[in-house]
Amino acid sequence: GGQVVAMTGDGVNDAPALKQSNIGVAMGITGTAVSKESADIVLTDDNFASIVAAVEEGRRVYDNLIKSLTFVLPTNLGLALILIYAVGFFPFDSDKMQLLLPMLPVQLLWINLVAAVSLALPFAFEAKEPDVMRRPPRSPQEPVFTGFVIFRTVVAALLMAVGAIGLFQYEYSRELAMGIPADRAMAEAQTMAVTTVIMFQIFYMQSCRSLKGSIFQMGLFSNPAVFVGVAMVLLLQSAFIFLPILNRIFGSSPLALLDLGLAALVGAVVLPIVAVEKLWRNRIAGNAKDDQPDRA
């Protein structure tokens, strides 16, 4: 009981079984019209190897969906945490009579429209994981939002929010100490926060390309779409920082190369942290597998 049953058939007499099974597979060439209508899947080439190929492709698509979720969700949660910080703690510079918002609403829109979309789409072109056909079947009752997805979302979101808020505060205080006017210091600090989030997304995207292994195991250059997406984001973010018309629209300000390097360094912190999390999770999964009794 509780098993998933697949049934193959090509004749009229197979139709009831094809209909009742969890997955009915009919032959496309030799199969009758009745069997094809009763089936869930039709093998157009009548080749059973196509079933294996379909399962493999289905697992690849599902994996890439999870990868995309583990990338997009922390971005949205991290931005929400930044907003909660701005609203809940209400940071205010009494000397300058200025509310210290790490980001403007229009800058949040920029992050969602530019980075989140450009960096999420390449996941659709990721190759399959090396062990994709060695895994046990996934339970139909297993939710998409598993404990792994929730845990990774919270950890990555906290890293992004803390990094962005920390660099915002650092940049704002440093600019004021250098005698820079408060308005300009605020614009540069907000630009620093936005750039930190963008850099975080670029590096975190690399970590999300594999659910269990490192990006080097997947092949750094195995998905050209990744580099297209990263190049687009870097080009657009450069325009966001240095193009005067975008400075006026989004309230951004040019940054020094040292500031850009610092934002990239903070964003890259996610790489070793996620790598350690993967090793820890793989070790737990390996121990759980070793503890299972052998089946005769």
C-alpha atoms as a PDB file:
ATOM      1  CA  GLY A   1       0.000   0.000   0.000  1.00  0.00           C
ATOM      2  CA  GLY A   2       0.974   3.562  -0.542  1.00  0.00           C
ATOM      3  CA  GLN A   3       3.007   2.812  -3.659  1.00  0.00           C
ATOM      4  CA  VAL A   4       2.922   4.768  -6.913  1.00  0.00           C
ATOM      5  CA  VAL A   5       1.967   2.502  -9.806  1.00  0.00           C
ATOM      6  CA  ALA A   6       2.769   3.103 -13.467  1.00  0.00           C
ATOM      7  CA  MET A   7       1.040   1.049 -16.160  1.00  0.00           C
ATOM      8  CA  THR A   8       2.009   0.657 -19.801  1.00  0.00           C
ATOM      9  CA  GLY A   9      -0.341  -0.572 -22.501  1.00  0.00           C
ATOM     10  CA  ASP A  10      -1.389  -0.238 -26.108  1.00  0.00           C
ATOM     11  CA  GLY A  11      -4.689  -2.074 -26.510  1.00  0.00           C
ATOM     12  CA  VAL A  12      -8.337  -1.450 -25.729  1.00  0.00           C
ATOM     13  CA  ASN A  13      -8.192  -4.004 -22.913  1.00  0.00           C
ATOM     14  CA  ASP A  14      -5.427  -1.984 -21.240  1.00  0.00           C
ATOM     15  CA  ALA A  15      -7.557   1.164 -21.023  1.00  0.00           C
ATOM     16  CA  PRO A  16      -9.095   0.474 -17.554  1.00  0.00           C
ATOM     17  CA  ALA A  17      -5.688  -0.233 -16.010  1.00  0.00           C
ATOM     18  CA  LEU A  18      -4.187   2.847 -17.666  1.00  0.00           C
ATOM     19  CA  LYS A  19      -7.017   4.921 -16.257  1.00  0.00           C
ATOM     20  CA  GLN A  20      -6.811   3.523 -12.715  1.00  0.00           C
ATOM     21  CA  SER A  21      -3.020   3.644 -12.330  1.00  0.00           C
ATOM     22  CA  ASN A  22      -1.207   6.652 -10.963  1.00  0.00           C
ATOM     23  CA  ILE A  23       0.619   7.081 -14.255  1.00  0.00           C
ATOM     24  CA  GLY A  24      -0.795   5.519 -17.394  1.00  0.00           C
ATOM     25  CA  VAL A  25       1.649   5.233 -20.299  1.00  0.00           C
ATOM     26  CA  ALA A  26       0.303   4.414 -23.765  1.00  0.00           C
ATOM     27  CA  MET A  27       2.181   3.606 -26.956  1.00  0.00           C
ATOM     28  CA  GLY A  28       2.024   6.368 -29.546  1.00  0.00           C
ATOM     29  CA  ILE A  29       2.649   4.241 -32.651  1.00  0.00           C
ATOM     30  CA  THR A  30       1.011   0.883 -31.928  1.00  0.00           C
ATOM     31  CA  GLY A  31      -1.424   2.097 -29.274  1.00  0.00           C
ATOM     32  CA  THR A  32      -5.143   2.372 -29.911  1.00  0.00           C
ATOM     33  CA  ALA A  33      -7.045   5.637 -29.649  1.00  0.00           C
ATOM     34  CA  VAL A  34      -8.833   4.383 -26.525  1.00  0.00           C
ATOM     35  CA  SER A  35      -5.566   3.578 -24.728  1.00  0.00           C
ATOM     36  CA  LYS A  36      -4.118   6.985 -25.618  1.00  0.00           C
ATOM     37  CA  GLU A  37      -7.169   8.788 -24.274  1.00  0.00           C
ATOM     38  CA  SER A  38      -7.023   6.801 -21.028  1.00  0.00           C
ATOM     39  CA  ALA A  39      -3.305   7.363 -20.461  1.00  0.00           C
ATOM     40  CA  ASP A  40      -1.523  10.259 -18.780  1.00  0.00           C
ATOM     41  CA  ILE A  41       1.543   9.953 -21.008  1.00  0.00           C
ATOM     42  CA  VAL A  42       1.882   8.852 -24.632  1.00  0.00           C
ATOM     43  CA  LEU A  43       5.231   7.503 -25.858  1.00  0.00           C
ATOM     44  CA  THR A  44       5.429   8.884 -29.374  1.00  0.00           C
ATOM     45  CA  ASP A  45       8.356   6.574 -30.262  1.00  0.00           C
ATOM     46  CA  ASP A  46       7.105   3.444 -28.395  1.00  0.00           C
ATOM     47  CA  ASN A  47      10.500   3.328 -26.666  1.00  0.00           C
ATOM     48  CA  PHE A  48      10.520   2.482 -22.956  1.00  0.00           C
ATOM     49  CA  ALA A  49      13.841   4.302 -22.595  1.00  0.00           C
ATOM     50  CA  SER A  50      11.880   7.495 -23.169  1.00  0.00           C
ATOM     51  CA  ILE A  51      10.193   6.936 -19.779  1.00  0.00           C
ATOM     52  CA  VAL A  52      13.583   7.030 -18.067  1.00  0.00           C
ATOM     53  CA  ALA A  53      14.531  10.146 -20.024  1.00  0.00           C
ATOM     54  CA  ALA A  54      11.235  11.788 -19.045  1.00  0.00           C
ATOM     55  CA  VAL A  55      11.784  11.000 -15.348  1.00  0.00           C
ATOM     56  CA  GLU A  56      15.304  12.399 -15.567  1.00  0.00           C
ATOM     57  CA  GLU A  57      14.098  15.591 -17.233  1.00  0.00           C
ATOM     58  CA  GLY A  58      11.249  15.926 -14.746  1.00  0.00           C
ATOM     59  CA  ARG A  59      13.663  15.708 -11.828  1.00  0.00           C
ATOM     60  CA  ARG A  60      15.913  18.300 -13.470  1.00  0.00           C
ATOM     61  CA  VAL A  61      12.993  20.699 -13.885  1.00  0.00           C
ATOM     62  CA  TYR A  62      11.869  20.176 -10.279  1.00  0.00           C
ATOM     63  CA  ASP A  63      15.406  20.691  -8.976  1.00  0.00           C
ATOM     64  CA  ASN A  64      15.709  23.915 -10.950  1.00  0.00           C
ATOM     65  CA  LEU A  65      12.398  25.087  -9.510  1.00  0.00           C
ATOM     66  CA  ILE A  66      13.719  24.514  -5.982  1.00  0.00           C
ATOM     67  CA  LYS A  67      16.976  26.280  -6.890  1.00  0.00           C
ATOM     68  CA  SER A  68      15.018  29.258  -8.170  1.00  0.00           C
ATOM     69  CA  LEU A  69      12.910  29.346  -4.996  1.00  0.00           C
ATOM     70  CA  THR A  70      15.952  29.167  -2.727  1.00  0.00           C
ATOM     71  CA  PHE A  71      17.353  32.137  -4.643  1.00  0.00           C
ATOM     72  CA  VAL A  72      14.272  34.350  -4.961  1.00  0.00           C
ATOM     73  CA  LEU A  73      12.748  33.858  -1.497  1.00  0.00           C
ATOM     74  CA  PRO A  74      15.768  35.092   0.523  1.00  0.00           C
ATOM     75  CA  THR A  75      15.930  38.199  -1.646  1.00  0.00           C
ATOM     76  CA  ASN A  76      12.337  39.114  -0.886  1.00  0.00           C
ATOM     77  CA  LEU A  77      12.597  38.185   2.796  1.00  0.00           C
ATOM     78  CA  GLY A  78      15.873  40.083   3.127  1.00  0.00           C
ATOM     79  CA  LEU A  79      14.343  43.219   1.631  1.00  0.00           C
ATOM     80  CA  ALA A  80      11.377  42.786   3.972  1.00  0.00           C
ATOM     81  CA  LEU A  81      13.760  42.594   6.950  1.00  0.00           C
ATOM     82  CA  ILE A  82      15.423  45.817   5.813  1.00  0.00           C
ATOM     83  CA  LEU A  83      12.012  47.485   5.686  1.00  0.00           C
ATOM     84  CA  ILE A  84      11.110  46.080   9.113  1.00  0.00           C
ATOM     85  CA  TYR A  85      14.338  47.543  10.455  1.00  0.00           C
ATOM     86  CA  ALA A  86      13.515  50.950   8.945  1.00  0.00           C
ATOM     87  CA  VAL A  87       9.931  50.955  10.243  1.00  0.00           C
ATOM     88  CA  GLY A  88      10.327  49.075  13.520  1.00  0.00           C
ATOM     89  CA  PHE A  89      13.516  50.660  14.835  1.00  0.00           C
ATOM     90  CA  PHE A  90      12.880  54.029  13.174  1.00  0.00           C
ATOM     91  CA  PRO A  91      16.573  55.024  12.963  1.00  0.00           C
ATOM     92  CA  PHE A  92      16.834  58.804  13.164  1.00  0.00           C
ATOM     93  CA  ASP A  93      19.826  61.136  13.063  1.00  0.00           C
ATOM     94  CA  SER A  94      18.854  63.837  15.550  1.00  0.00           C
ATOM     95  CA  ASP A  95      21.864  65.986  14.658  1.00  0.00           C
ATOM     96  CA  LYS A  96      20.961  66.131  10.974  1.00  0.00           C
ATOM     97  CA  MET A  97      17.206  65.747  11.565  1.00  0.00           C
ATOM     98  CA  GLN A  98      17.106  62.949   9.008  1.00  0.00           C
ATOM     99  CA  LEU A  99      15.408  59.544   8.911  1.00  0.00           C
ATOM    100  CA  LEU A 100      18.003  56.867   8.141  1.00  0.00           C
ATOM    101  CA  LEU A 101      16.276  54.707   5.544  1.00  0.00           C
ATOM    102  CA  PRO A 102      18.681  52.075   4.159  1.00  0.00           C
ATOM    103  CA  MET A 103      16.780  52.105   0.856  1.00  0.00           C
ATOM    104  CA  LEU A 104      14.147  54.168  -0.889  1.00  0.00           C
ATOM    105  CA  PRO A 105      10.989  52.445  -2.211  1.00  0.00           C
ATOM    106  CA  VAL A 106      12.064  53.098  -5.800  1.00  0.00           C
ATOM    107  CA  GLN A 107      15.406  51.432  -5.049  1.00  0.00           C
ATOM    108  CA  LEU A 108      13.609  48.339  -3.757  1.00  0.00           C
ATOM    109  CA  LEU A 109      11.699  48.282  -7.030  1.00  0.00           C
ATOM    110  CA  TRP A 110      15.000  48.488  -8.910  1.00  0.00           C
ATOM    111  CA  ILE A 111      16.348  45.430  -7.107  1.00  0.00           C
ATOM    112  CA  ASN A 112      13.218  43.380  -7.793  1.00  0.00           C
ATOM    113  CA  LEU A 113      12.897  44.362 -11.446  1.00  0.00           C
ATOM    114  CA  VAL A 114      16.552  44.162 -12.433  1.00  0.00           C
ATOM    115  CA  ALA A 115      18.472  41.705 -10.299  1.00  0.00           C
ATOM    116  CA  ALA A 116      15.803  39.262  -9.135  1.00  0.00           C
ATOM    117  CA  VAL A 117      14.497  38.639 -12.662  1.00  0.00           C
ATOM    118  CA  SER A 118      17.816  38.637 -14.543  1.00  0.00           C
ATOM    119  CA  LEU A 119      19.458  36.267 -12.064  1.00  0.00           C
ATOM    120  CA  ALA A 120      16.498  33.921 -11.534  1.00  0.00           C
ATOM    121  CA  LEU A 121      15.833  33.099 -15.194  1.00  0.00           C
ATOM    122  CA  PRO A 122      19.180  31.304 -15.821  1.00  0.00           C
ATOM    123  CA  PHE A 123      18.168  28.559 -13.367  1.00  0.00           C
ATOM    124  CA  ALA A 124      15.816  27.219 -16.047  1.00  0.00           C
ATOM    125  CA  PHE A 125      18.879  26.267 -18.111  1.00  0.00           C
ATOM    126  CA  GLU A 126      20.831  24.507 -15.371  1.00  0.00           C
ATOM    127  CA  ALA A 127      21.996  20.977 -16.138  1.00  0.00           C
ATOM    128  CA  LYS A 128      20.831  18.030 -14.053  1.00  0.00           C
ATOM    129  CA  GLU A 129      22.511  17.152 -10.781  1.00  0.00           C
ATOM    130  CA  PRO A 130      25.037  14.268 -10.999  1.00  0.00           C
ATOM    131  CA  ASP A 131      22.997  12.039  -8.655  1.00  0.00           C
ATOM    132  CA  VAL A 132      19.590  12.894 -10.091  1.00  0.00           C
ATOM    133  CA  MET A 133      18.747   9.273 -11.024  1.00  0.00           C
ATOM    134  CA  ARG A 134      20.247   7.720  -7.894  1.00  0.00           C
ATOM    135  CA  ARG A 135      17.789   9.371  -5.519  1.00  0.00           C
ATOM    136  CA  PRO A 136      14.715   7.581  -4.191  1.00  0.00           C
ATOM    137  CA  PRO A 137      11.385   8.797  -5.589  1.00  0.00           C
ATOM    138  CA  ARG A 138      10.036  11.946  -3.987  1.00  0.00           C
ATOM    139  CA  SER A 139       6.802  11.524  -2.050  1.00  0.00           C
ATOM    140  CA  PRO A 140       3.797  13.152  -3.761  1.00  0.00           C
ATOM    141  CA  GLN A 141       2.855  14.560  -0.346  1.00  0.00           C
ATOM    142  CA  GLU A 142       6.217  16.289   0.089  1.00  0.00           C
ATOM    143  CA  PRO A 143       5.674  20.065   0.132  1.00  0.00           C
ATOM    144  CA  VAL A 144       7.659  22.443  -2.028  1.00  0.00           C
ATOM    145  CA  PHE A 145       8.516  24.532   1.026  1.00  0.00           C
ATOM    146  CA  THR A 146      10.532  21.884   2.834  1.00  0.00           C
ATOM    147  CA  GLY A 147      12.566  22.454   5.966  1.00  0.00           C
ATOM    148  CA  PHE A 148      15.627  22.922   3.773  1.00  0.00           C
ATOM    149  CA  VAL A 149      13.996  25.697   1.714  1.00  0.00           C
ATOM    150  CA  ILE A 150      12.757  27.498   4.831  1.00  0.00           C
ATOM    151  CA  PHE A 151      16.097  27.181   6.650  1.00  0.00           C
ATOM    152  CA  ARG A 152      18.118  28.381   3.655  1.00  0.00           C
ATOM    153  CA  THR A 153      15.701  31.262   3.079  1.00  0.00           C
ATOM    154  CA  VAL A 154      16.005  32.524   6.655  1.00  0.00           C
ATOM    155  CA  VAL A 155      19.803  32.191   6.821  1.00  0.00           C
ATOM    156  CA  ALA A 156      20.444  33.861   3.460  1.00  0.00           C
ATOM    157  CA  ALA A 157      17.922  36.632   4.135  1.00  0.00           C
ATOM    158  CA  LEU A 158      19.540  37.446   7.486  1.00  0.00           C
ATOM    159  CA  LEU A 159      22.983  37.569   5.886  1.00  0.00           C
ATOM    160  CA  MET A 160      21.766  39.908   3.157  1.00  0.00           C
ATOM    161  CA  ALA A 161      19.869  42.213   5.516  1.00  0.00           C
ATOM    162  CA  VAL A 162      22.674  42.447   8.086  1.00  0.00           C
ATOM    163  CA  GLY A 163      25.270  43.091   5.382  1.00  0.00           C
ATOM    164  CA  ALA A 164      23.221  45.799   3.655  1.00  0.00           C
ATOM    165  CA  ILE A 165      22.216  47.582   6.878  1.00  0.00           C
ATOM    166  CA  GLY A 166      25.740  47.338   8.288  1.00  0.00           C
ATOM    167  CA  LEU A 167      27.373  48.863   5.217  1.00  0.00           C
ATOM    168  CA  PHE A 168      24.667  51.526   5.044  1.00  0.00           C
ATOM    169  CA  GLN A 169      25.425  52.626   8.605  1.00  0.00           C
ATOM    170  CA  TYR A 170      29.170  52.423   8.008  1.00  0.00           C
ATOM    171  CA  GLU A 171      29.069  54.461   4.810  1.00  0.00           C
ATOM    172  CA  TYR A 172      26.740  57.111   6.235  1.00  0.00           C
ATOM    173  CA  SER A 173      28.853  57.613   9.366  1.00  0.00           C
ATOM    174  CA  ARG A 174      32.103  57.685   7.399  1.00  0.00           C
ATOM    175  CA  GLU A 175      30.788  60.228   4.898  1.00  0.00           C
ATOM    176  CA  LEU A 176      29.592  62.534   7.676  1.00  0.00           C
ATOM    177  CA  ALA A 177      32.941  62.216   9.459  1.00  0.00           C
ATOM    178  CA  MET A 178      34.643  63.353   6.252  1.00  0.00           C
ATOM    179  CA  GLY A 179      32.532  66.508   6.230  1.00  0.00           C
ATOM    180  CA  ILE A 180      30.276  65.482   3.352  1.00  0.00           C
ATOM    181  CA  PRO A 181      26.764  67.040   3.435  1.00  0.00           C
ATOM    182  CA  ALA A 182      24.074  64.850   4.987  1.00  0.00           C
ATOM    183  CA  ASP A 183      21.981  64.580   1.810  1.00  0.00           C
ATOM    184  CA  ARG A 184      24.908  63.366  -0.257  1.00  0.00           C
ATOM    185  CA  ALA A 185      26.056  61.046   2.526  1.00  0.00           C
ATOM    186  CA  MET A 186      22.569  59.546   2.661  1.00  0.00           C
ATOM    187  CA  ALA A 187      22.470  59.009  -1.121  1.00  0.00           C
ATOM    188  CA  GLU A 188      25.871  57.308  -1.121  1.00  0.00           C
ATOM    189  CA  ALA A 189      24.969  55.144   1.871  1.00  0.00           C
ATOM    190  CA  GLN A 190      21.715  54.024   0.235  1.00  0.00           C
ATOM    191  CA  THR A 191      23.561  53.295  -3.013  1.00  0.00           C
ATOM    192  CA  MET A 192      26.028  51.248  -0.971  1.00  0.00           C
ATOM    193  CA  ALA A 193      23.177  49.235   0.561  1.00  0.00           C
ATOM    194  CA  VAL A 194      21.578  48.568  -2.835  1.00  0.00           C
ATOM    195  CA  THR A 195      24.928  47.556  -4.335  1.00  0.00           C
ATOM    196  CA  THR A 196      25.577  45.204  -1.422  1.00  0.00           C
ATOM    197  CA  VAL A 197      22.248  43.464  -2.043  1.00  0.00           C
ATOM    198  CA  ILE A 198      23.051  43.169  -5.760  1.00  0.00           C
ATOM    199  CA  MET A 199      26.490  41.709  -5.053  1.00  0.00           C
ATOM    200  CA  PHE A 200      24.970  39.325  -2.519  1.00  0.00           C
ATOM    201  CA  GLN A 201      22.511  38.107  -5.139  1.00  0.00           C
ATOM    202  CA  ILE A 202      25.250  37.549  -7.715  1.00  0.00           C
ATOM    203  CA  PHE A 203      27.341  35.424  -5.356  1.00  0.00           C
ATOM    204  CA  TYR A 204      24.370  33.677  -3.767  1.00  0.00           C
ATOM    205  CA  MET A 205      23.130  32.726  -7.220  1.00  0.00           C
ATOM    206  CA  GLN A 206      26.328  30.722  -7.736  1.00  0.00           C
ATOM    207  CA  SER A 207      25.690  28.828  -4.499  1.00  0.00           C
ATOM    208  CA  CYS A 208      22.125  28.016  -5.562  1.00  0.00           C
ATOM    209  CA  ARG A 209      23.188  26.409  -8.848  1.00  0.00           C
ATOM    210  CA  SER A 210      23.566  23.094  -7.016  1.00  0.00           C
ATOM    211  CA  LEU A 211      21.379  21.868  -4.169  1.00  0.00           C
ATOM    212  CA  LYS A 212      24.075  19.692  -2.597  1.00  0.00           C
ATOM    213  CA  GLY A 213      27.431  20.213  -4.298  1.00  0.00           C
ATOM    214  CA  SER A 214      29.691  23.178  -4.913  1.00  0.00           C
ATOM    215  CA  ILE A 215      29.626  25.266  -8.079  1.00  0.00           C
ATOM    216  CA  PHE A 216      32.917  23.634  -9.071  1.00  0.00           C
ATOM    217  CA  GLN A 217      31.278  20.197  -9.058  1.00  0.00           C
ATOM    218  CA  MET A 218      28.523  21.491 -11.339  1.00  0.00           C
ATOM    219  CA  GLY A 219      31.061  23.144 -13.622  1.00  0.00           C
ATOM    220  CA  LEU A 220      31.676  26.866 -13.379  1.00  0.00           C
ATOM    221  CA  PHE A 221      30.985  27.363 -17.091  1.00  0.00           C
ATOM    222  CA  SER A 222      28.295  24.702 -17.551  1.00  0.00           C
ATOM    223  CA  ASN A 223      25.475  27.247 -17.867  1.00  0.00           C
ATOM    224  CA  PRO A 224      26.262  30.203 -20.184  1.00  0.00           C
ATOM    225  CA  ALA A 225      22.928  31.808 -19.254  1.00  0.00           C
ATOM    226  CA  VAL A 226      24.353  32.507 -15.788  1.00  0.00           C
ATOM    227  CA  PHE A 227      27.072  34.721 -17.199  1.00  0.00           C
ATOM    228  CA  VAL A 228      24.619  36.512 -19.462  1.00  0.00           C
ATOM    229  CA  GLY A 229      22.418  37.274 -16.451  1.00  0.00           C
ATOM    230  CA  VAL A 230      25.348  38.388 -14.281  1.00  0.00           C
ATOM    231  CA  ALA A 231      26.742  40.591 -17.064  1.00  0.00           C
ATOM    232  CA  MET A 232      23.350  42.247 -17.523  1.00  0.00           C
ATOM    233  CA  VAL A 233      22.999  42.932 -13.800  1.00  0.00           C
ATOM    234  CA  LEU A 234      26.521  44.351 -13.502  1.00  0.00           C
ATOM    235  CA  LEU A 235      25.948  46.591 -16.520  1.00  0.00           C
ATOM    236  CA  LEU A 236      22.618  47.864 -15.205  1.00  0.00           C
ATOM    237  CA  GLN A 237      23.954  48.350 -11.679  1.00  0.00           C
ATOM    238  CA  SER A 238      26.894  50.329 -13.061  1.00  0.00           C
ATOM    239  CA  ALA A 239      24.394  52.581 -14.817  1.00  0.00           C
ATOM    240  CA  PHE A 240      22.422  52.849 -11.560  1.00  0.00           C
ATOM    241  CA  ILE A 241      25.561  54.052  -9.767  1.00  0.00           C
ATOM    242  CA  PHE A 242      27.286  56.244 -12.344  1.00  0.00           C
ATOM    243  CA  LEU A 243      24.664  57.438 -14.858  1.00  0.00           C
ATOM    244  CA  PRO A 244      23.400  60.909 -13.849  1.00  0.00           C
ATOM    245  CA  ILE A 245      19.872  60.407 -15.198  1.00  0.00           C
ATOM    246  CA  LEU A 246      19.457  57.229 -13.120  1.00  0.00           C
ATOM    247  CA  ASN A 247      20.971  59.013 -10.121  1.00  0.00           C
ATOM    248  CA  ARG A 248      18.155  61.543 -10.339  1.00  0.00           C
ATOM    249  CA  ILE A 249      15.428  58.930 -10.874  1.00  0.00           C
ATOM    250  CA  PHE A 250      16.505  56.480  -8.156  1.00  0.00           C
ATOM    251  CA  GLY A 251      18.249  58.808  -5.722  1.00  0.00           C
ATOM    252  CA  SER A 252      21.551  56.963  -6.168  1.00  0.00           C
ATOM    253  CA  SER A 253      25.055  58.409  -6.137  1.00  0.00           C
ATOM    254  CA  PRO A 254      28.461  57.459  -7.606  1.00  0.00           C
ATOM    255  CA  LEU A 255      30.639  55.271  -5.388  1.00  0.00           C
ATOM    256  CA  ALA A 256      34.403  54.977  -5.105  1.00  0.00           C
ATOM    257  CA  LEU A 257      36.089  51.781  -6.295  1.00  0.00           C
ATOM    258  CA  LEU A 258      36.993  50.981  -2.691  1.00  0.00           C
ATOM    259  CA  ASP A 259      33.309  51.114  -1.746  1.00  0.00           C
ATOM    260  CA  LEU A 260      32.398  48.831  -4.643  1.00  0.00           C
ATOM    261  CA  GLY A 261      35.078  46.369  -3.565  1.00  0.00           C
ATOM    262  CA  LEU A 262      33.780  46.419   0.004  1.00  0.00           C
ATOM    263  CA  ALA A 263      30.217  45.750  -1.177  1.00  0.00           C
ATOM    264  CA  ALA A 264      31.466  42.822  -3.290  1.00  0.00           C
ATOM    265  CA  LEU A 265      33.474  41.456  -0.359  1.00  0.00           C
ATOM    266  CA  VAL A 266      30.482  41.538   1.986  1.00  0.00           C
ATOM    267  CA  GLY A 267      28.276  39.968  -0.695  1.00  0.00           C
ATOM    268  CA  ALA A 268      30.794  37.161  -1.222  1.00  0.00           C
ATOM    269  CA  VAL A 269      30.573  36.121   2.447  1.00  0.00           C
ATOM    270  CA  VAL A 270      27.539  34.034   1.520  1.00  0.00           C
ATOM    271  CA  LEU A 271      29.672  31.627  -0.561  1.00  0.00           C
ATOM    272  CA  PRO A 272      31.619  29.937   2.284  1.00  0.00           C
ATOM    273  CA  ILE A 273      28.625  30.043   4.631  1.00  0.00           C
ATOM    274  CA  VAL A 274      26.347  28.214   2.178  1.00  0.00           C
ATOM    275  CA  ALA A 275      29.188  25.789   1.353  1.00  0.00           C
ATOM    276  CA  VAL A 276      29.456  24.862   5.047  1.00  0.00           C
ATOM    277  CA  GLU A 277      25.662  24.519   5.247  1.00  0.00           C
ATOM    278  CA  LYS A 278      25.721  22.093   2.293  1.00  0.00           C
ATOM    279  CA  LEU A 279      28.472  19.992   3.880  1.00  0.00           C
ATOM    280  CA  TRP A 280      26.569  19.878   7.171  1.00  0.00           C
ATOM    281  CA  ARG A 281      23.312  18.908   5.443  1.00  0.00           C
ATOM    282  CA  ASN A 282      25.025  16.240   3.310  1.00  0.00           C
ATOM    283  CA  ARG A 283      26.657  14.751   6.394  1.00  0.00           C
ATOM    284  CA  ILE A 284      23.319  14.568   8.216  1.00  0.00           C
ATOM    285  CA  ALA A 285      21.722  12.929   5.162  1.00  0.00           C
ATOM    286  CA  GLY A 286      24.601  10.442   4.947  1.00  0.00           C
ATOM    287  CA  ASN A 287      24.325   9.508   8.622  1.00  0.00           C
ATOM    288  CA  ALA A 288      20.560   9.045   8.313  1.00  0.00           C
ATOM    289  CA  LYS A 289      21.100   6.756   5.335  1.00  0.00           C
ATOM    290  CA  ASP A 290      23.692   4.684   7.219  1.00  0.00           C
ATOM    291  CA  ASP A 291      21.311   4.268  10.169  1.00  0.00           C
ATOM    292  CA  GLN A 292      18.592   2.730   7.993  1.00  0.00           C
ATOM    293  CA  PRO A 293      18.398  -1.090   8.271  1.00  0.00           C
ATOM    294  CA  ASP A 294      19.307  -3.080   5.182  1.00  0.00           C
ATOM    295  CA  ARG A 295      16.355  -4.489   3.290  1.00  0.00           C
ATOM    296  CA  ALA A 296      16.428  -8.100   2.213  1.00  0.00           C
END
